[in-house]
Amino acid sequence: MSMSEPSVPRRGRTGRRTALGLRRAAFALALIAIVVCGAGLTLRTAAAHAGERPAGVLAALLALGGAGAACFLGRRRPRGAWDRDVPVVVAPVDCAPVDYAAMDAAEFEEAVARLCARDGCTDVRVVGGAGDLGADVLATAPDGRRVVVQCKRYGDEHKVGSQDLQRFGGTCFTIHGAHVAVLVTTSDFTGPALEYAARSGILCLDARALAAWSDGGSAPPWRQAGAAV
């Protein structure tokens, strides 16, 4: 990431997540108690009138089962895992336009990780930060190749230079074992940077290319790198 955009600490989220988990657990227990009580009352009534109104009893049991299923399914939610070096588990997202330039460094890394997960990658990890050795996002492409991404959240006038590419090129293959190496930025690249990337086999995505990927107007990077998935 850009040196001017420090990573946002993630430890502060733990307390909020714990409190939210406790509230959800309390709500779930209350919901279960209501369903159990309702089930007991319904079954008692059904037993008393089974001989008189069998069709009505059957309808009541079906309604109870449907309500229980709806409550169970309604409480299920995909879990997000955006702490550093934690696998990403996200639900598919739509292709609505996103203002990546308005994000801070850590948010930008997480947004790129979401794009990877959205388009079929597995084992997606956000690993940017101190000691990341040039990798901000790691993932496995649908065809099994290892994807290594470095994210540069720069302003419009701050282009990614050849030194940025050289630092990334020095670690993405030898250290991280990349099959697909991608440097994505919210700005643009200098000419020497693009020349180095072409020689080194690094795919460069500027602001326009990022928007096209995000909006669904272009293939994800691992397809642009030349393998059918």
C-alpha atoms as a PDB file:
ATOM      1  CA  MET A   1       0.000   0.000   0.000  1.00  0.00           C
ATOM      2  CA  SER A   2       0.962   3.650  -0.254  1.00  0.00           C
ATOM      3  CA  MET A   3       3.264   4.802   2.507  1.00  0.00           C
ATOM      4  CA  SER A   4       0.998   7.827   2.962  1.00  0.00           C
ATOM      5  CA  GLU A   5      -1.993   5.631   3.739  1.00  0.00           C
ATOM      6  CA  PRO A   6      -1.352   3.631   6.928  1.00  0.00           C
ATOM      7  CA  SER A   7      -3.373   0.519   7.569  1.00  0.00           C
ATOM      8  CA  VAL A   8      -6.360   0.869   9.847  1.00  0.00           C
ATOM      9  CA  PRO A   9      -5.988  -1.226  13.035  1.00  0.00           C
ATOM     10  CA  ARG A  10      -8.472  -4.072  13.221  1.00  0.00           C
ATOM     11  CA  ARG A  11      -8.279  -5.004  16.905  1.00  0.00           C
ATOM     12  CA  GLY A  12     -10.919  -2.451  17.878  1.00  0.00           C
ATOM     13  CA  ARG A  13     -13.570  -4.416  16.053  1.00  0.00           C
ATOM     14  CA  THR A  14     -13.349  -7.428  18.377  1.00  0.00           C
ATOM     15  CA  GLY A  15     -15.361  -5.886  21.218  1.00  0.00           C
ATOM     16  CA  ARG A  16     -18.100  -4.712  18.900  1.00  0.00           C
ATOM     17  CA  ARG A  17     -18.318  -8.116  17.233  1.00  0.00           C
ATOM     18  CA  THR A  18     -18.486  -9.880  20.611  1.00  0.00           C
ATOM     19  CA  ALA A  19     -21.294  -7.628  21.852  1.00  0.00           C
ATOM     20  CA  LEU A  20     -23.183  -8.071  18.614  1.00  0.00           C
ATOM     21  CA  GLY A  21     -22.747 -11.841  18.827  1.00  0.00           C
ATOM     22  CA  LEU A  22     -24.154 -11.880  22.380  1.00  0.00           C
ATOM     23  CA  ARG A  23     -27.187  -9.858  21.308  1.00  0.00           C
ATOM     24  CA  ARG A  24     -27.819 -12.196  18.405  1.00  0.00           C
ATOM     25  CA  ALA A  25     -27.479 -15.232  20.647  1.00  0.00           C
ATOM     26  CA  ALA A  26     -29.988 -13.784  23.153  1.00  0.00           C
ATOM     27  CA  PHE A  27     -32.422 -13.024  20.358  1.00  0.00           C
ATOM     28  CA  ALA A  28     -32.028 -16.530  18.947  1.00  0.00           C
ATOM     29  CA  LEU A  29     -32.733 -18.128  22.359  1.00  0.00           C
ATOM     30  CA  ALA A  30     -35.840 -15.997  22.807  1.00  0.00           C
ATOM     31  CA  LEU A  31     -37.018 -16.930  19.320  1.00  0.00           C
ATOM     32  CA  ILE A  32     -36.478 -20.629  20.008  1.00  0.00           C
ATOM     33  CA  ALA A  33     -38.471 -20.368  23.247  1.00  0.00           C
ATOM     34  CA  ILE A  34     -41.392 -18.744  21.416  1.00  0.00           C
ATOM     35  CA  VAL A  35     -41.347 -21.387  18.692  1.00  0.00           C
ATOM     36  CA  VAL A  36     -41.205 -24.236  21.236  1.00  0.00           C
ATOM     37  CA  CYS A  37     -44.132 -22.821  23.207  1.00  0.00           C
ATOM     38  CA  GLY A  38     -46.121 -22.309  20.033  1.00  0.00           C
ATOM     39  CA  ALA A  39     -45.343 -25.824  18.886  1.00  0.00           C
ATOM     40  CA  GLY A  40     -46.517 -27.307  22.180  1.00  0.00           C
ATOM     41  CA  LEU A  41     -49.790 -25.386  22.081  1.00  0.00           C
ATOM     42  CA  THR A  42     -50.402 -26.332  18.469  1.00  0.00           C
ATOM     43  CA  LEU A  43     -49.697 -30.015  19.028  1.00  0.00           C
ATOM     44  CA  ARG A  44     -51.957 -30.071  22.136  1.00  0.00           C
ATOM     45  CA  THR A  45     -54.791 -28.517  20.142  1.00  0.00           C
ATOM     46  CA  ALA A  46     -54.145 -30.880  17.262  1.00  0.00           C
ATOM     47  CA  ALA A  47     -54.331 -33.917  19.531  1.00  0.00           C
ATOM     48  CA  ALA A  48     -57.632 -32.740  21.011  1.00  0.00           C
ATOM     49  CA  HIS A  49     -59.321 -32.107  17.658  1.00  0.00           C
ATOM     50  CA  ALA A  50     -57.607 -34.624  15.426  1.00  0.00           C
ATOM     51  CA  GLY A  51     -60.740 -36.696  15.072  1.00  0.00           C
ATOM     52  CA  GLU A  52     -63.000 -33.713  14.372  1.00  0.00           C
ATOM     53  CA  ARG A  53     -61.026 -31.593  11.927  1.00  0.00           C
ATOM     54  CA  PRO A  54     -58.109 -33.556  10.405  1.00  0.00           C
ATOM     55  CA  ALA A  55     -57.692 -31.083   7.525  1.00  0.00           C
ATOM     56  CA  GLY A  56     -57.433 -28.120   9.885  1.00  0.00           C
ATOM     57  CA  VAL A  57     -54.882 -29.923  12.057  1.00  0.00           C
ATOM     58  CA  LEU A  58     -52.742 -30.708   9.026  1.00  0.00           C
ATOM     59  CA  ALA A  59     -52.850 -27.071   7.889  1.00  0.00           C
ATOM     60  CA  ALA A  60     -51.815 -25.870  11.342  1.00  0.00           C
ATOM     61  CA  LEU A  61     -48.845 -28.235  11.454  1.00  0.00           C
ATOM     62  CA  LEU A  62     -47.725 -27.183   7.975  1.00  0.00           C
ATOM     63  CA  ALA A  63     -47.955 -23.493   8.955  1.00  0.00           C
ATOM     64  CA  LEU A  64     -45.898 -24.120  12.073  1.00  0.00           C
ATOM     65  CA  GLY A  65     -43.212 -25.923  10.093  1.00  0.00           C
ATOM     66  CA  GLY A  66     -43.079 -23.121   7.519  1.00  0.00           C
ATOM     67  CA  ALA A  67     -42.743 -20.461  10.202  1.00  0.00           C
ATOM     68  CA  GLY A  68     -39.900 -22.330  11.870  1.00  0.00           C
ATOM     69  CA  ALA A  69     -38.059 -22.732   8.574  1.00  0.00           C
ATOM     70  CA  ALA A  70     -38.497 -19.048   7.754  1.00  0.00           C
ATOM     71  CA  CYS A  71     -37.090 -18.002  11.118  1.00  0.00           C
ATOM     72  CA  PHE A  72     -34.102 -20.302  10.724  1.00  0.00           C
ATOM     73  CA  LEU A  73     -33.273 -19.169   7.216  1.00  0.00           C
ATOM     74  CA  GLY A  74     -33.851 -15.526   8.038  1.00  0.00           C
ATOM     75  CA  ARG A  75     -31.219 -15.574  10.764  1.00  0.00           C
ATOM     76  CA  ARG A  76     -28.502 -17.046   8.546  1.00  0.00           C
ATOM     77  CA  ARG A  77     -26.004 -14.501   7.312  1.00  0.00           C
ATOM     78  CA  PRO A  78     -22.696 -14.816   5.511  1.00  0.00           C
ATOM     79  CA  ARG A  79     -19.716 -14.043   7.701  1.00  0.00           C
ATOM     80  CA  GLY A  80     -17.148 -11.502   6.648  1.00  0.00           C
ATOM     81  CA  ALA A  81     -13.525 -11.995   7.650  1.00  0.00           C
ATOM     82  CA  TRP A  82     -11.545  -8.876   6.979  1.00  0.00           C
ATOM     83  CA  ASP A  83      -8.985  -9.081   9.761  1.00  0.00           C
ATOM     84  CA  ARG A  84      -5.426  -9.313   8.601  1.00  0.00           C
ATOM     85  CA  ASP A  85      -4.349 -12.729   7.345  1.00  0.00           C
ATOM     86  CA  VAL A  86      -7.822 -14.213   7.884  1.00  0.00           C
ATOM     87  CA  PRO A  87      -9.644 -16.102   5.108  1.00  0.00           C
ATOM     88  CA  VAL A  88     -12.298 -14.035   3.383  1.00  0.00           C
ATOM     89  CA  VAL A  89     -15.820 -15.497   3.311  1.00  0.00           C
ATOM     90  CA  VAL A  90     -18.248 -13.180   1.562  1.00  0.00           C
ATOM     91  CA  ALA A  91     -21.549 -13.383  -0.263  1.00  0.00           C
ATOM     92  CA  PRO A  92     -21.589 -12.472  -3.957  1.00  0.00           C
ATOM     93  CA  VAL A  93     -21.977  -8.742  -4.524  1.00  0.00           C
ATOM     94  CA  ASP A  94     -23.424  -6.808  -7.422  1.00  0.00           C
ATOM     95  CA  CYS A  95     -21.463  -4.781  -9.962  1.00  0.00           C
ATOM     96  CA  ALA A  96     -22.574  -1.304  -8.876  1.00  0.00           C
ATOM     97  CA  PRO A  97     -20.001   1.505  -9.375  1.00  0.00           C
ATOM     98  CA  VAL A  98     -17.683   2.008  -6.406  1.00  0.00           C
ATOM     99  CA  ASP A  99     -15.602   5.069  -5.535  1.00  0.00           C
ATOM    100  CA  TYR A 100     -12.316   3.400  -4.653  1.00  0.00           C
ATOM    101  CA  ALA A 101     -10.457   6.713  -4.490  1.00  0.00           C
ATOM    102  CA  ALA A 102     -12.613   7.724  -1.495  1.00  0.00           C
ATOM    103  CA  MET A 103     -11.404   4.736   0.530  1.00  0.00           C
ATOM    104  CA  ASP A 104      -8.410   4.652   2.812  1.00  0.00           C
ATOM    105  CA  ALA A 105      -5.585   2.184   2.255  1.00  0.00           C
ATOM    106  CA  ALA A 106      -7.018  -0.687   4.308  1.00  0.00           C
ATOM    107  CA  GLU A 107     -10.524  -0.264   2.885  1.00  0.00           C
ATOM    108  CA  PHE A 108      -9.109  -0.377  -0.626  1.00  0.00           C
ATOM    109  CA  GLU A 109      -7.314  -3.662   0.069  1.00  0.00           C
ATOM    110  CA  GLU A 110     -10.507  -5.158   1.466  1.00  0.00           C
ATOM    111  CA  ALA A 111     -12.520  -3.962  -1.540  1.00  0.00           C
ATOM    112  CA  VAL A 112     -10.068  -5.623  -3.936  1.00  0.00           C
ATOM    113  CA  ALA A 113     -10.304  -8.827  -1.885  1.00  0.00           C
ATOM    114  CA  ARG A 114     -14.089  -8.694  -2.240  1.00  0.00           C
ATOM    115  CA  LEU A 115     -13.741  -8.461  -6.007  1.00  0.00           C
ATOM    116  CA  CYS A 116     -11.526 -11.549  -6.018  1.00  0.00           C
ATOM    117  CA  ALA A 117     -14.041 -13.479  -3.896  1.00  0.00           C
ATOM    118  CA  ARG A 118     -16.964 -12.221  -5.980  1.00  0.00           C
ATOM    119  CA  ASP A 119     -15.408 -13.520  -9.184  1.00  0.00           C
ATOM    120  CA  GLY A 120     -14.709 -17.020  -7.952  1.00  0.00           C
ATOM    121  CA  CYS A 121     -11.425 -16.957  -6.042  1.00  0.00           C
ATOM    122  CA  THR A 122     -11.064 -19.081  -2.935  1.00  0.00           C
ATOM    123  CA  ASP A 123      -8.747 -18.802   0.100  1.00  0.00           C
ATOM    124  CA  VAL A 124      -8.843 -15.002  -0.260  1.00  0.00           C
ATOM    125  CA  ARG A 125      -6.734 -13.262   2.365  1.00  0.00           C
ATOM    126  CA  VAL A 126      -6.047  -9.611   3.134  1.00  0.00           C
ATOM    127  CA  VAL A 127      -2.439  -9.595   4.323  1.00  0.00           C
ATOM    128  CA  GLY A 128      -1.311  -6.015   3.689  1.00  0.00           C
ATOM    129  CA  GLY A 129       0.481  -4.116   6.421  1.00  0.00           C
ATOM    130  CA  ALA A 130       3.886  -4.023   8.029  1.00  0.00           C
ATOM    131  CA  GLY A 131       6.001  -6.933   6.830  1.00  0.00           C
ATOM    132  CA  ASP A 132       3.682  -7.878   3.979  1.00  0.00           C
ATOM    133  CA  LEU A 133       6.665  -8.166   1.588  1.00  0.00           C
ATOM    134  CA  GLY A 134       4.754  -6.529  -1.230  1.00  0.00           C
ATOM    135  CA  ALA A 135       1.534  -8.543  -1.044  1.00  0.00           C
ATOM    136  CA  ASP A 136      -1.753  -7.021   0.062  1.00  0.00           C
ATOM    137  CA  VAL A 137      -4.205  -9.691  -1.143  1.00  0.00           C
ATOM    138  CA  LEU A 138      -3.572 -13.404  -1.673  1.00  0.00           C
ATOM    139  CA  ALA A 139      -6.074 -15.695  -3.387  1.00  0.00           C
ATOM    140  CA  THR A 140      -6.496 -18.874  -5.394  1.00  0.00           C
ATOM    141  CA  ALA A 141      -8.025 -18.410  -8.835  1.00  0.00           C
ATOM    142  CA  PRO A 142     -10.836 -20.726 -10.010  1.00  0.00           C
ATOM    143  CA  ASP A 143      -8.282 -22.638 -12.121  1.00  0.00           C
ATOM    144  CA  GLY A 144      -6.023 -23.208  -9.100  1.00  0.00           C
ATOM    145  CA  ARG A 145      -3.363 -20.566  -9.783  1.00  0.00           C
ATOM    146  CA  ARG A 146      -2.041 -18.421  -6.943  1.00  0.00           C
ATOM    147  CA  VAL A 147      -3.001 -14.752  -7.290  1.00  0.00           C
ATOM    148  CA  VAL A 148      -0.876 -12.106  -5.558  1.00  0.00           C
ATOM    149  CA  VAL A 149      -2.139  -8.516  -5.572  1.00  0.00           C
ATOM    150  CA  GLN A 150      -0.524  -5.304  -4.434  1.00  0.00           C
ATOM    151  CA  CYS A 151      -2.875  -2.343  -3.953  1.00  0.00           C
ATOM    152  CA  LYS A 152      -1.785   1.285  -4.377  1.00  0.00           C
ATOM    153  CA  ARG A 153      -4.434   3.741  -3.178  1.00  0.00           C
ATOM    154  CA  TYR A 154      -2.892   6.853  -4.764  1.00  0.00           C
ATOM    155  CA  GLY A 155      -4.341  10.222  -5.755  1.00  0.00           C
ATOM    156  CA  ASP A 156      -4.895  11.187  -9.394  1.00  0.00           C
ATOM    157  CA  GLU A 157      -1.577  13.027  -9.629  1.00  0.00           C
ATOM    158  CA  HIS A 158       0.484  10.318  -7.935  1.00  0.00           C
ATOM    159  CA  LYS A 159       1.321   7.698 -10.535  1.00  0.00           C
ATOM    160  CA  VAL A 160       2.742   4.292  -9.730  1.00  0.00           C
ATOM    161  CA  GLY A 161       6.406   4.388 -10.746  1.00  0.00           C
ATOM    162  CA  SER A 162       8.927   1.815 -11.856  1.00  0.00           C
ATOM    163  CA  GLN A 163      10.381   1.557  -8.338  1.00  0.00           C
ATOM    164  CA  ASP A 164       6.969   0.436  -7.050  1.00  0.00           C
ATOM    165  CA  LEU A 165       6.846  -2.243  -9.726  1.00  0.00           C
ATOM    166  CA  GLN A 166      10.421  -3.342  -9.075  1.00  0.00           C
ATOM    167  CA  ARG A 167       9.782  -3.785  -5.358  1.00  0.00           C
ATOM    168  CA  PHE A 168       6.665  -5.822  -6.096  1.00  0.00           C
ATOM    169  CA  GLY A 169       8.418  -7.808  -8.802  1.00  0.00           C
ATOM    170  CA  GLY A 170      11.183  -8.713  -6.391  1.00  0.00           C
ATOM    171  CA  THR A 171       8.827 -10.567  -4.034  1.00  0.00           C
ATOM    172  CA  CYS A 172       5.602 -11.545  -5.815  1.00  0.00           C
ATOM    173  CA  PHE A 173       7.106 -14.550  -7.624  1.00  0.00           C
ATOM    174  CA  THR A 174      10.029 -15.646  -5.480  1.00  0.00           C
ATOM    175  CA  ILE A 175       8.521 -14.997  -2.023  1.00  0.00           C
ATOM    176  CA  HIS A 176       4.776 -15.378  -2.577  1.00  0.00           C
ATOM    177  CA  GLY A 177       4.876 -17.901  -5.418  1.00  0.00           C
ATOM    178  CA  ALA A 178       2.560 -15.946  -7.690  1.00  0.00           C
ATOM    179  CA  HIS A 179       1.205 -17.476 -10.861  1.00  0.00           C
ATOM    180  CA  VAL A 180      -0.720 -14.247 -11.469  1.00  0.00           C
ATOM    181  CA  ALA A 181       0.859 -11.033 -10.150  1.00  0.00           C
ATOM    182  CA  VAL A 182      -1.337  -7.933 -10.186  1.00  0.00           C
ATOM    183  CA  LEU A 183      -0.680  -4.345  -9.165  1.00  0.00           C
ATOM    184  CA  VAL A 184      -3.924  -2.377  -8.940  1.00  0.00           C
ATOM    185  CA  THR A 185      -4.147   1.364  -8.304  1.00  0.00           C
ATOM    186  CA  THR A 186      -6.689   4.151  -8.063  1.00  0.00           C
ATOM    187  CA  SER A 187      -4.424   6.355 -10.214  1.00  0.00           C
ATOM    188  CA  ASP A 188      -2.195   5.482 -13.199  1.00  0.00           C
ATOM    189  CA  PHE A 189       1.254   4.113 -14.109  1.00  0.00           C
ATOM    190  CA  THR A 190       4.315   5.817 -15.527  1.00  0.00           C
ATOM    191  CA  GLY A 191       5.735   4.642 -18.831  1.00  0.00           C
ATOM    192  CA  PRO A 192       8.828   3.008 -17.262  1.00  0.00           C
ATOM    193  CA  ALA A 193       6.586   1.217 -14.761  1.00  0.00           C
ATOM    194  CA  LEU A 194       4.505  -0.302 -17.554  1.00  0.00           C
ATOM    195  CA  GLU A 195       7.653  -1.330 -19.419  1.00  0.00           C
ATOM    196  CA  TYR A 196       9.033  -3.104 -16.348  1.00  0.00           C
ATOM    197  CA  ALA A 197       5.669  -4.797 -15.726  1.00  0.00           C
ATOM    198  CA  ALA A 198       5.510  -6.061 -19.316  1.00  0.00           C
ATOM    199  CA  ARG A 199       9.013  -7.544 -19.052  1.00  0.00           C
ATOM    200  CA  SER A 200       8.317  -9.102 -15.660  1.00  0.00           C
ATOM    201  CA  GLY A 201       4.880 -10.526 -16.370  1.00  0.00           C
ATOM    202  CA  ILE A 202       3.029  -8.296 -13.900  1.00  0.00           C
ATOM    203  CA  LEU A 203      -0.502  -7.226 -14.790  1.00  0.00           C
ATOM    204  CA  CYS A 204      -1.174  -3.510 -14.152  1.00  0.00           C
ATOM    205  CA  LEU A 205      -4.698  -2.237 -13.483  1.00  0.00           C
ATOM    206  CA  ASP A 206      -5.098   1.546 -13.398  1.00  0.00           C
ATOM    207  CA  ALA A 207      -8.217   3.402 -12.206  1.00  0.00           C
ATOM    208  CA  ARG A 208     -10.104   2.766 -15.462  1.00  0.00           C
ATOM    209  CA  ALA A 209      -9.192  -0.909 -15.593  1.00  0.00           C
ATOM    210  CA  LEU A 210     -10.177  -1.297 -11.938  1.00  0.00           C
ATOM    211  CA  ALA A 211     -13.550   0.324 -12.606  1.00  0.00           C
ATOM    212  CA  ALA A 212     -14.122  -1.972 -15.591  1.00  0.00           C
ATOM    213  CA  TRP A 213     -13.343  -5.039 -13.488  1.00  0.00           C
ATOM    214  CA  SER A 214     -15.513  -3.809 -10.633  1.00  0.00           C
ATOM    215  CA  ASP A 215     -18.460  -2.931 -12.883  1.00  0.00           C
ATOM    216  CA  GLY A 216     -18.303  -6.213 -14.776  1.00  0.00           C
ATOM    217  CA  GLY A 217     -17.095  -4.599 -17.994  1.00  0.00           C
ATOM    218  CA  SER A 218     -13.869  -6.618 -18.176  1.00  0.00           C
ATOM    219  CA  ALA A 219     -12.625 -10.044 -17.172  1.00  0.00           C
ATOM    220  CA  PRO A 220     -10.957 -10.518 -13.769  1.00  0.00           C
ATOM    221  CA  PRO A 221      -7.144 -10.275 -13.761  1.00  0.00           C
ATOM    222  CA  TRP A 222      -6.469 -14.025 -13.750  1.00  0.00           C
ATOM    223  CA  ARG A 223      -8.360 -14.320 -17.022  1.00  0.00           C
ATOM    224  CA  GLN A 224      -6.554 -11.335 -18.482  1.00  0.00           C
ATOM    225  CA  ALA A 225      -3.309 -13.113 -17.586  1.00  0.00           C
ATOM    226  CA  GLY A 226      -4.099 -15.734 -20.202  1.00  0.00           C
ATOM    227  CA  ALA A 227      -5.724 -18.857 -18.746  1.00  0.00           C
ATOM    228  CA  ALA A 228      -9.228 -20.079 -19.379  1.00  0.00           C
ATOM    229  CA  VAL A 229     -11.246 -20.701 -16.220  1.00  0.00           C
END
